[in-house]
Amino acid sequence: MSKQAQWIVGLNAVASALEHDAEHVREVLLEAGGKNPRIAEIEQEARRKEIDVRRVPQNALDGVAGGVRHQGAAARYAAAKTWDEHELVGLVEAAGGKAMVLVLDGVQDPHNLGACLRSAAAAGATAVVFPKDKAVQLNATVRKTSAGAADTLPVFSVTNLSRTLRDLQKAGVWIYGFAGEATASFYALDLKGNIALVMGSEGDGLRRLTRENCDQLVKIPMPGEFESLNVSVATGIALFEAVRQRVSG
């Protein structure tokens, strides 16, 4: 396996890779004797696209899954589809004044990243952006948790997040950073135009430079006893408030 190759596991992740990016699927491993009808569907689709399929025992799948629940399916995925940082502004321009970019500043947990990607895909986000340093990258756990969103969304892993935020501003995107100490309520915003929603890491929130490059800091009002939400939950709330406004307005 080349350094660029990786294993993706789980029925949804493998099926999505076959549907959206089959040219980069090198082989598919399926559990011998697996009775889930979706395993047969995946095998049929892979063979239709002339991708090698092997039926293997469960322990072989356990070995490539690295502790991730594989559900009887895994695929060796090479040269995964990547987006160049310079393509982001083009996507914003193509959105015709309705771009919605999700920015994740240093999310560490692959399950959180996968859940954020899934919400972003469901909300019709233009792109998802996160830094290359001090943040989890796309891996088998992220792909499985995202339920295929990692293969359908434009995802950008950028070298300099602050520079990317400035580029978005120049392209006419208003940058909203979420911070617990902010005074402005997120629900008071007009979210119908070009926007970027910036979420911080699980522990420390937004980094200083990220804060400084936001046009406004906002918060999700929480009248209960807790002062913060899981980043994937906050992301879902923010994205679908934007969707609500766009659909109703």
C-alpha atoms as a PDB file:
ATOM      1  CA  MET A   1       0.000   0.000   0.000  1.00  0.00           C
ATOM      2  CA  SER A   2       1.359   3.394  -0.992  1.00  0.00           C
ATOM      3  CA  LYS A   3       1.802   6.156   1.532  1.00  0.00           C
ATOM      4  CA  GLN A   4      -1.270   7.876   0.075  1.00  0.00           C
ATOM      5  CA  ALA A   5      -3.487   4.821   0.458  1.00  0.00           C
ATOM      6  CA  GLN A   6      -5.763   4.163   3.392  1.00  0.00           C
ATOM      7  CA  TRP A   7      -8.521   1.820   4.420  1.00  0.00           C
ATOM      8  CA  ILE A   8     -12.051   3.112   4.729  1.00  0.00           C
ATOM      9  CA  VAL A   9     -14.512   0.920   6.556  1.00  0.00           C
ATOM     10  CA  GLY A  10     -18.236   0.623   7.144  1.00  0.00           C
ATOM     11  CA  LEU A  11     -21.120  -0.015   4.770  1.00  0.00           C
ATOM     12  CA  ASN A  12     -22.004   3.641   4.168  1.00  0.00           C
ATOM     13  CA  ALA A  13     -18.404   4.764   3.714  1.00  0.00           C
ATOM     14  CA  VAL A  14     -17.534   1.992   1.241  1.00  0.00           C
ATOM     15  CA  ALA A  15     -20.788   2.384  -0.696  1.00  0.00           C
ATOM     16  CA  SER A  16     -20.253   6.146  -0.929  1.00  0.00           C
ATOM     17  CA  ALA A  17     -16.691   5.735  -2.172  1.00  0.00           C
ATOM     18  CA  LEU A  18     -17.907   3.363  -4.899  1.00  0.00           C
ATOM     19  CA  GLU A  19     -20.654   5.778  -5.897  1.00  0.00           C
ATOM     20  CA  HIS A  20     -18.753   9.055  -5.836  1.00  0.00           C
ATOM     21  CA  ASP A  21     -15.065   8.265  -6.263  1.00  0.00           C
ATOM     22  CA  ALA A  22     -14.740   4.714  -7.614  1.00  0.00           C
ATOM     23  CA  GLU A  23     -11.626   5.529  -9.618  1.00  0.00           C
ATOM     24  CA  HIS A  24      -9.658   5.739  -6.372  1.00  0.00           C
ATOM     25  CA  VAL A  25     -10.963   2.510  -4.842  1.00  0.00           C
ATOM     26  CA  ARG A  26      -8.279  -0.113  -5.334  1.00  0.00           C
ATOM     27  CA  GLU A  27     -10.027  -3.135  -3.808  1.00  0.00           C
ATOM     28  CA  VAL A  28     -12.974  -4.060  -1.621  1.00  0.00           C
ATOM     29  CA  LEU A  29     -12.910  -6.576   1.225  1.00  0.00           C
ATOM     30  CA  LEU A  30     -16.202  -8.110   2.318  1.00  0.00           C
ATOM     31  CA  GLU A  31     -16.878 -10.493   5.166  1.00  0.00           C
ATOM     32  CA  ALA A  32     -17.193 -14.085   4.002  1.00  0.00           C
ATOM     33  CA  GLY A  33     -20.658 -15.329   4.847  1.00  0.00           C
ATOM     34  CA  GLY A  34     -21.895 -11.862   5.722  1.00  0.00           C
ATOM     35  CA  LYS A  35     -25.703 -11.907   5.619  1.00  0.00           C
ATOM     36  CA  ASN A  36     -26.411  -8.172   5.420  1.00  0.00           C
ATOM     37  CA  PRO A  37     -28.010  -7.601   1.981  1.00  0.00           C
ATOM     38  CA  ARG A  38     -26.027  -4.382   1.589  1.00  0.00           C
ATOM     39  CA  ILE A  39     -22.824  -6.414   1.468  1.00  0.00           C
ATOM     40  CA  ALA A  40     -24.123  -8.162  -1.627  1.00  0.00           C
ATOM     41  CA  GLU A  41     -25.118  -4.805  -3.133  1.00  0.00           C
ATOM     42  CA  ILE A  42     -21.619  -3.422  -2.537  1.00  0.00           C
ATOM     43  CA  GLU A  43     -20.062  -6.497  -4.107  1.00  0.00           C
ATOM     44  CA  GLN A  44     -22.275  -6.182  -7.161  1.00  0.00           C
ATOM     45  CA  GLU A  45     -21.467  -2.481  -7.575  1.00  0.00           C
ATOM     46  CA  ALA A  46     -17.724  -3.023  -7.167  1.00  0.00           C
ATOM     47  CA  ARG A  47     -17.668  -5.842  -9.721  1.00  0.00           C
ATOM     48  CA  ARG A  48     -19.760  -3.748 -12.107  1.00  0.00           C
ATOM     49  CA  LYS A  49     -17.062  -1.085 -11.930  1.00  0.00           C
ATOM     50  CA  GLU A  50     -14.343  -3.734 -12.357  1.00  0.00           C
ATOM     51  CA  ILE A  51     -12.899  -3.245  -8.885  1.00  0.00           C
ATOM     52  CA  ASP A  52     -11.288  -6.257  -7.217  1.00  0.00           C
ATOM     53  CA  VAL A  53     -13.458  -7.826  -4.516  1.00  0.00           C
ATOM     54  CA  ARG A  54     -12.298 -10.362  -1.948  1.00  0.00           C
ATOM     55  CA  ARG A  55     -14.380 -12.276   0.586  1.00  0.00           C
ATOM     56  CA  VAL A  56     -12.329 -12.538   3.768  1.00  0.00           C
ATOM     57  CA  PRO A  57     -12.837 -13.713   7.363  1.00  0.00           C
ATOM     58  CA  GLN A  58     -13.911 -11.238  10.014  1.00  0.00           C
ATOM     59  CA  ASN A  59     -10.465 -11.116  11.643  1.00  0.00           C
ATOM     60  CA  ALA A  60      -8.945  -9.879   8.376  1.00  0.00           C
ATOM     61  CA  LEU A  61     -11.397  -6.979   8.355  1.00  0.00           C
ATOM     62  CA  ASP A  62     -10.687  -6.339  12.029  1.00  0.00           C
ATOM     63  CA  GLY A  63      -7.013  -6.003  11.123  1.00  0.00           C
ATOM     64  CA  VAL A  64      -7.486  -3.291   8.486  1.00  0.00           C
ATOM     65  CA  ALA A  65     -10.221  -1.458  10.416  1.00  0.00           C
ATOM     66  CA  GLY A  66      -7.895  -0.449  13.241  1.00  0.00           C
ATOM     67  CA  GLY A  67     -10.590  -0.690  15.898  1.00  0.00           C
ATOM     68  CA  VAL A  68     -13.292   1.025  13.831  1.00  0.00           C
ATOM     69  CA  ARG A  69     -16.566  -0.928  13.505  1.00  0.00           C
ATOM     70  CA  HIS A  70     -16.433  -2.174   9.914  1.00  0.00           C
ATOM     71  CA  GLN A  71     -19.862  -3.856   9.526  1.00  0.00           C
ATOM     72  CA  GLY A  72     -18.326  -6.423   7.210  1.00  0.00           C
ATOM     73  CA  ALA A  73     -16.967  -4.021   4.570  1.00  0.00           C
ATOM     74  CA  ALA A  74     -13.684  -2.246   3.904  1.00  0.00           C
ATOM     75  CA  ALA A  75     -12.050  -0.652   0.882  1.00  0.00           C
ATOM     76  CA  ARG A  76      -8.457   0.260   0.084  1.00  0.00           C
ATOM     77  CA  TYR A  77      -8.675   3.842  -1.030  1.00  0.00           C
ATOM     78  CA  ALA A  78      -5.739   5.487  -2.790  1.00  0.00           C
ATOM     79  CA  ALA A  79      -5.124   9.080  -3.838  1.00  0.00           C
ATOM     80  CA  ALA A  80      -8.323  10.245  -2.217  1.00  0.00           C
ATOM     81  CA  LYS A  81      -9.998  13.219  -3.833  1.00  0.00           C
ATOM     82  CA  THR A  82      -8.443  16.409  -2.520  1.00  0.00           C
ATOM     83  CA  TRP A  83      -9.149  20.074  -3.105  1.00  0.00           C
ATOM     84  CA  ASP A  84      -6.498  22.731  -3.564  1.00  0.00           C
ATOM     85  CA  GLU A  85      -6.801  25.756  -1.281  1.00  0.00           C
ATOM     86  CA  HIS A  86      -6.961  28.057  -4.300  1.00  0.00           C
ATOM     87  CA  GLU A  87     -10.186  26.398  -5.472  1.00  0.00           C
ATOM     88  CA  LEU A  88     -12.168  27.592  -2.450  1.00  0.00           C
ATOM     89  CA  VAL A  89     -12.787  31.127  -3.695  1.00  0.00           C
ATOM     90  CA  GLY A  90     -14.025  29.725  -7.008  1.00  0.00           C
ATOM     91  CA  LEU A  91     -16.613  27.627  -5.177  1.00  0.00           C
ATOM     92  CA  VAL A  92     -17.765  30.708  -3.269  1.00  0.00           C
ATOM     93  CA  GLU A  93     -18.132  32.699  -6.468  1.00  0.00           C
ATOM     94  CA  ALA A  94     -20.048  29.844  -8.122  1.00  0.00           C
ATOM     95  CA  ALA A  95     -22.549  29.871  -5.225  1.00  0.00           C
ATOM     96  CA  GLY A  96     -24.009  33.135  -6.494  1.00  0.00           C
ATOM     97  CA  GLY A  97     -24.082  35.029  -3.210  1.00  0.00           C
ATOM     98  CA  LYS A  98     -25.404  32.058  -1.228  1.00  0.00           C
ATOM     99  CA  ALA A  99     -22.154  30.403  -0.156  1.00  0.00           C
ATOM    100  CA  MET A 100     -22.145  28.693   3.244  1.00  0.00           C
ATOM    101  CA  VAL A 101     -18.714  27.601   4.422  1.00  0.00           C
ATOM    102  CA  LEU A 102     -18.094  25.657   7.616  1.00  0.00           C
ATOM    103  CA  VAL A 103     -14.711  26.333   9.223  1.00  0.00           C
ATOM    104  CA  LEU A 104     -13.446  24.057  11.993  1.00  0.00           C
ATOM    105  CA  ASP A 105     -10.543  25.513  13.937  1.00  0.00           C
ATOM    106  CA  GLY A 106      -8.632  22.556  15.351  1.00  0.00           C
ATOM    107  CA  VAL A 107     -11.230  19.833  15.940  1.00  0.00           C
ATOM    108  CA  GLN A 108      -9.335  16.883  17.429  1.00  0.00           C
ATOM    109  CA  ASP A 109     -11.878  14.066  17.663  1.00  0.00           C
ATOM    110  CA  PRO A 110     -12.456  12.156  14.404  1.00  0.00           C
ATOM    111  CA  HIS A 111     -16.018  11.351  15.459  1.00  0.00           C
ATOM    112  CA  ASN A 112     -16.722  15.063  15.874  1.00  0.00           C
ATOM    113  CA  LEU A 113     -15.210  15.876  12.489  1.00  0.00           C
ATOM    114  CA  GLY A 114     -17.206  13.106  10.834  1.00  0.00           C
ATOM    115  CA  ALA A 115     -20.424  14.311  12.456  1.00  0.00           C
ATOM    116  CA  CYS A 116     -19.703  17.897  11.378  1.00  0.00           C
ATOM    117  CA  LEU A 117     -19.132  16.769   7.792  1.00  0.00           C
ATOM    118  CA  ARG A 118     -22.387  14.835   7.835  1.00  0.00           C
ATOM    119  CA  SER A 119     -24.320  17.887   9.066  1.00  0.00           C
ATOM    120  CA  ALA A 120     -22.595  20.115   6.521  1.00  0.00           C
ATOM    121  CA  ALA A 121     -23.534  17.784   3.674  1.00  0.00           C
ATOM    122  CA  ALA A 122     -27.142  17.573   4.874  1.00  0.00           C
ATOM    123  CA  ALA A 123     -27.325  21.379   5.071  1.00  0.00           C
ATOM    124  CA  GLY A 124     -25.937  21.813   1.566  1.00  0.00           C
ATOM    125  CA  ALA A 125     -22.762  23.593   2.681  1.00  0.00           C
ATOM    126  CA  THR A 126     -20.489  24.934  -0.034  1.00  0.00           C
ATOM    127  CA  ALA A 127     -17.320  23.631   1.609  1.00  0.00           C
ATOM    128  CA  VAL A 128     -15.705  22.606   4.885  1.00  0.00           C
ATOM    129  CA  VAL A 129     -12.335  24.038   5.886  1.00  0.00           C
ATOM    130  CA  PHE A 130      -9.925  22.994   8.642  1.00  0.00           C
ATOM    131  CA  PRO A 131      -6.188  23.505   9.297  1.00  0.00           C
ATOM    132  CA  LYS A 132      -3.524  20.947   8.487  1.00  0.00           C
ATOM    133  CA  ASP A 133      -1.865  21.407  11.871  1.00  0.00           C
ATOM    134  CA  LYS A 134      -3.266  20.599  15.321  1.00  0.00           C
ATOM    135  CA  ALA A 135      -6.445  19.107  13.889  1.00  0.00           C
ATOM    136  CA  VAL A 136      -7.652  15.665  12.932  1.00  0.00           C
ATOM    137  CA  GLN A 137      -7.531  14.937   9.201  1.00  0.00           C
ATOM    138  CA  LEU A 138      -9.699  12.671   7.062  1.00  0.00           C
ATOM    139  CA  ASN A 139      -9.141   9.096   8.226  1.00  0.00           C
ATOM    140  CA  ALA A 140     -11.116   5.866   8.393  1.00  0.00           C
ATOM    141  CA  THR A 141     -13.042   6.917  11.503  1.00  0.00           C
ATOM    142  CA  VAL A 142     -13.940  10.299  10.026  1.00  0.00           C
ATOM    143  CA  ARG A 143     -15.098   8.730   6.772  1.00  0.00           C
ATOM    144  CA  LYS A 144     -17.242   6.163   8.554  1.00  0.00           C
ATOM    145  CA  THR A 145     -18.796   8.690  10.949  1.00  0.00           C
ATOM    146  CA  SER A 146     -19.526  11.082   8.102  1.00  0.00           C
ATOM    147  CA  ALA A 147     -21.705   8.406   6.424  1.00  0.00           C
ATOM    148  CA  GLY A 148     -20.274   9.263   3.026  1.00  0.00           C
ATOM    149  CA  ALA A 149     -20.185  13.058   3.405  1.00  0.00           C
ATOM    150  CA  ALA A 150     -16.377  13.050   3.264  1.00  0.00           C
ATOM    151  CA  ASP A 151     -16.637  11.840  -0.333  1.00  0.00           C
ATOM    152  CA  THR A 152     -19.321  14.272  -1.497  1.00  0.00           C
ATOM    153  CA  LEU A 153     -18.332  17.568   0.144  1.00  0.00           C
ATOM    154  CA  PRO A 154     -15.511  19.847  -0.980  1.00  0.00           C
ATOM    155  CA  VAL A 155     -13.177  19.524   2.018  1.00  0.00           C
ATOM    156  CA  PHE A 156     -10.140  21.787   2.364  1.00  0.00           C
ATOM    157  CA  SER A 157      -7.219  21.107   4.682  1.00  0.00           C
ATOM    158  CA  VAL A 158      -5.387  24.437   4.614  1.00  0.00           C
ATOM    159  CA  THR A 159      -1.863  25.458   5.571  1.00  0.00           C
ATOM    160  CA  ASN A 160      -2.763  28.850   7.050  1.00  0.00           C
ATOM    161  CA  LEU A 161      -6.301  29.190   8.368  1.00  0.00           C
ATOM    162  CA  SER A 162      -6.045  32.923   9.049  1.00  0.00           C
ATOM    163  CA  ARG A 163      -4.966  33.573   5.465  1.00  0.00           C
ATOM    164  CA  THR A 164      -7.875  31.458   4.203  1.00  0.00           C
ATOM    165  CA  LEU A 165     -10.322  33.500   6.280  1.00  0.00           C
ATOM    166  CA  ARG A 166      -8.912  36.715   4.809  1.00  0.00           C
ATOM    167  CA  ASP A 167      -9.267  35.278   1.300  1.00  0.00           C
ATOM    168  CA  LEU A 168     -12.896  34.464   2.040  1.00  0.00           C
ATOM    169  CA  GLN A 169     -13.495  38.009   3.262  1.00  0.00           C
ATOM    170  CA  LYS A 170     -12.025  39.394   0.041  1.00  0.00           C
ATOM    171  CA  ALA A 171     -14.462  37.157  -1.848  1.00  0.00           C
ATOM    172  CA  GLY A 172     -17.386  38.777  -0.042  1.00  0.00           C
ATOM    173  CA  VAL A 173     -17.914  36.223   2.725  1.00  0.00           C
ATOM    174  CA  TRP A 174     -18.934  37.416   6.207  1.00  0.00           C
ATOM    175  CA  ILE A 175     -17.064  35.460   8.887  1.00  0.00           C
ATOM    176  CA  TYR A 176     -18.923  34.544  12.084  1.00  0.00           C
ATOM    177  CA  GLY A 177     -16.889  32.989  14.884  1.00  0.00           C
ATOM    178  CA  PHE A 178     -18.634  31.130  17.697  1.00  0.00           C
ATOM    179  CA  ALA A 179     -17.396  31.917  21.217  1.00  0.00           C
ATOM    180  CA  GLY A 180     -19.061  31.395  24.577  1.00  0.00           C
ATOM    181  CA  GLU A 181     -18.077  34.839  25.850  1.00  0.00           C
ATOM    182  CA  ALA A 182     -19.569  36.684  22.857  1.00  0.00           C
ATOM    183  CA  THR A 183     -22.458  39.029  23.567  1.00  0.00           C
ATOM    184  CA  ALA A 184     -24.274  38.855  20.217  1.00  0.00           C
ATOM    185  CA  SER A 185     -26.831  36.097  19.729  1.00  0.00           C
ATOM    186  CA  PHE A 186     -26.388  33.931  16.661  1.00  0.00           C
ATOM    187  CA  TYR A 187     -30.150  33.974  16.107  1.00  0.00           C
ATOM    188  CA  ALA A 188     -30.131  37.743  15.500  1.00  0.00           C
ATOM    189  CA  LEU A 189     -27.983  37.383  12.363  1.00  0.00           C
ATOM    190  CA  ASP A 190     -29.024  37.563   8.732  1.00  0.00           C
ATOM    191  CA  LEU A 191     -27.578  34.349   7.297  1.00  0.00           C
ATOM    192  CA  LYS A 192     -28.969  34.483   3.772  1.00  0.00           C
ATOM    193  CA  GLY A 193     -25.839  35.733   1.986  1.00  0.00           C
ATOM    194  CA  ASN A 194     -22.231  34.547   1.748  1.00  0.00           C
ATOM    195  CA  ILE A 195     -21.273  33.322   5.212  1.00  0.00           C
ATOM    196  CA  ALA A 196     -18.609  31.295   6.971  1.00  0.00           C
ATOM    197  CA  LEU A 197     -19.424  29.708  10.329  1.00  0.00           C
ATOM    198  CA  VAL A 198     -16.280  29.196  12.401  1.00  0.00           C
ATOM    199  CA  MET A 199     -16.263  26.644  15.213  1.00  0.00           C
ATOM    200  CA  GLY A 200     -13.416  26.161  17.676  1.00  0.00           C
ATOM    201  CA  SER A 201     -11.754  23.048  19.050  1.00  0.00           C
ATOM    202  CA  GLU A 202     -13.327  20.850  21.705  1.00  0.00           C
ATOM    203  CA  GLY A 203     -11.172  22.135  24.542  1.00  0.00           C
ATOM    204  CA  ASP A 204      -9.871  25.608  23.785  1.00  0.00           C
ATOM    205  CA  GLY A 205     -12.360  27.012  21.326  1.00  0.00           C
ATOM    206  CA  LEU A 206     -11.184  29.492  18.710  1.00  0.00           C
ATOM    207  CA  ARG A 207      -7.507  30.329  18.533  1.00  0.00           C
ATOM    208  CA  ARG A 208      -6.473  33.971  18.941  1.00  0.00           C
ATOM    209  CA  LEU A 209      -5.589  34.581  15.293  1.00  0.00           C
ATOM    210  CA  THR A 210      -8.785  32.942  14.175  1.00  0.00           C
ATOM    211  CA  ARG A 211     -10.805  35.224  16.440  1.00  0.00           C
ATOM    212  CA  GLU A 212      -9.002  38.272  15.086  1.00  0.00           C
ATOM    213  CA  ASN A 213      -9.889  37.324  11.531  1.00  0.00           C
ATOM    214  CA  CYS A 214     -13.603  36.938  12.213  1.00  0.00           C
ATOM    215  CA  ASP A 215     -15.935  39.805  11.326  1.00  0.00           C
ATOM    216  CA  GLN A 216     -18.067  39.130  14.391  1.00  0.00           C
ATOM    217  CA  LEU A 217     -18.075  36.795  17.370  1.00  0.00           C
ATOM    218  CA  VAL A 218     -21.450  35.304  18.271  1.00  0.00           C
ATOM    219  CA  LYS A 219     -22.882  32.715  20.619  1.00  0.00           C
ATOM    220  CA  ILE A 220     -25.718  30.221  20.748  1.00  0.00           C
ATOM    221  CA  PRO A 221     -27.873  31.265  23.738  1.00  0.00           C
ATOM    222  CA  MET A 222     -27.961  28.553  26.393  1.00  0.00           C
ATOM    223  CA  PRO A 223     -30.362  29.269  29.246  1.00  0.00           C
ATOM    224  CA  GLY A 224     -29.687  25.907  30.866  1.00  0.00           C
ATOM    225  CA  GLU A 225     -27.046  24.953  33.409  1.00  0.00           C
ATOM    226  CA  PHE A 226     -24.341  24.080  30.872  1.00  0.00           C
ATOM    227  CA  GLU A 227     -22.259  26.766  29.195  1.00  0.00           C
ATOM    228  CA  SER A 228     -21.065  24.871  26.122  1.00  0.00           C
ATOM    229  CA  LEU A 229     -22.133  22.322  23.532  1.00  0.00           C
ATOM    230  CA  ASN A 230     -20.276  19.556  21.775  1.00  0.00           C
ATOM    231  CA  VAL A 231     -18.762  21.067  18.616  1.00  0.00           C
ATOM    232  CA  SER A 232     -20.722  18.765  16.323  1.00  0.00           C
ATOM    233  CA  VAL A 233     -23.994  19.675  18.061  1.00  0.00           C
ATOM    234  CA  ALA A 234     -23.224  23.408  17.860  1.00  0.00           C
ATOM    235  CA  THR A 235     -22.307  22.979  14.196  1.00  0.00           C
ATOM    236  CA  GLY A 236     -25.612  21.315  13.416  1.00  0.00           C
ATOM    237  CA  ILE A 237     -27.567  24.058  15.185  1.00  0.00           C
ATOM    238  CA  ALA A 238     -25.685  26.806  13.340  1.00  0.00           C
ATOM    239  CA  LEU A 239     -25.923  25.230   9.899  1.00  0.00           C
ATOM    240  CA  PHE A 240     -29.618  24.529  10.104  1.00  0.00           C
ATOM    241  CA  GLU A 241     -30.482  27.985  11.422  1.00  0.00           C
ATOM    242  CA  ALA A 242     -28.876  29.245   8.207  1.00  0.00           C
ATOM    243  CA  VAL A 243     -30.892  26.704   6.227  1.00  0.00           C
ATOM    244  CA  ARG A 244     -34.110  27.771   7.996  1.00  0.00           C
ATOM    245  CA  GLN A 245     -33.534  31.392   7.073  1.00  0.00           C
ATOM    246  CA  ARG A 246     -32.713  30.578   3.476  1.00  0.00           C
ATOM    247  CA  VAL A 247     -35.717  28.314   3.006  1.00  0.00           C
ATOM    248  CA  SER A 248     -38.190  30.653   4.715  1.00  0.00           C
ATOM    249  CA  GLY A 249     -36.764  33.879   3.330  1.00  0.00           C
END
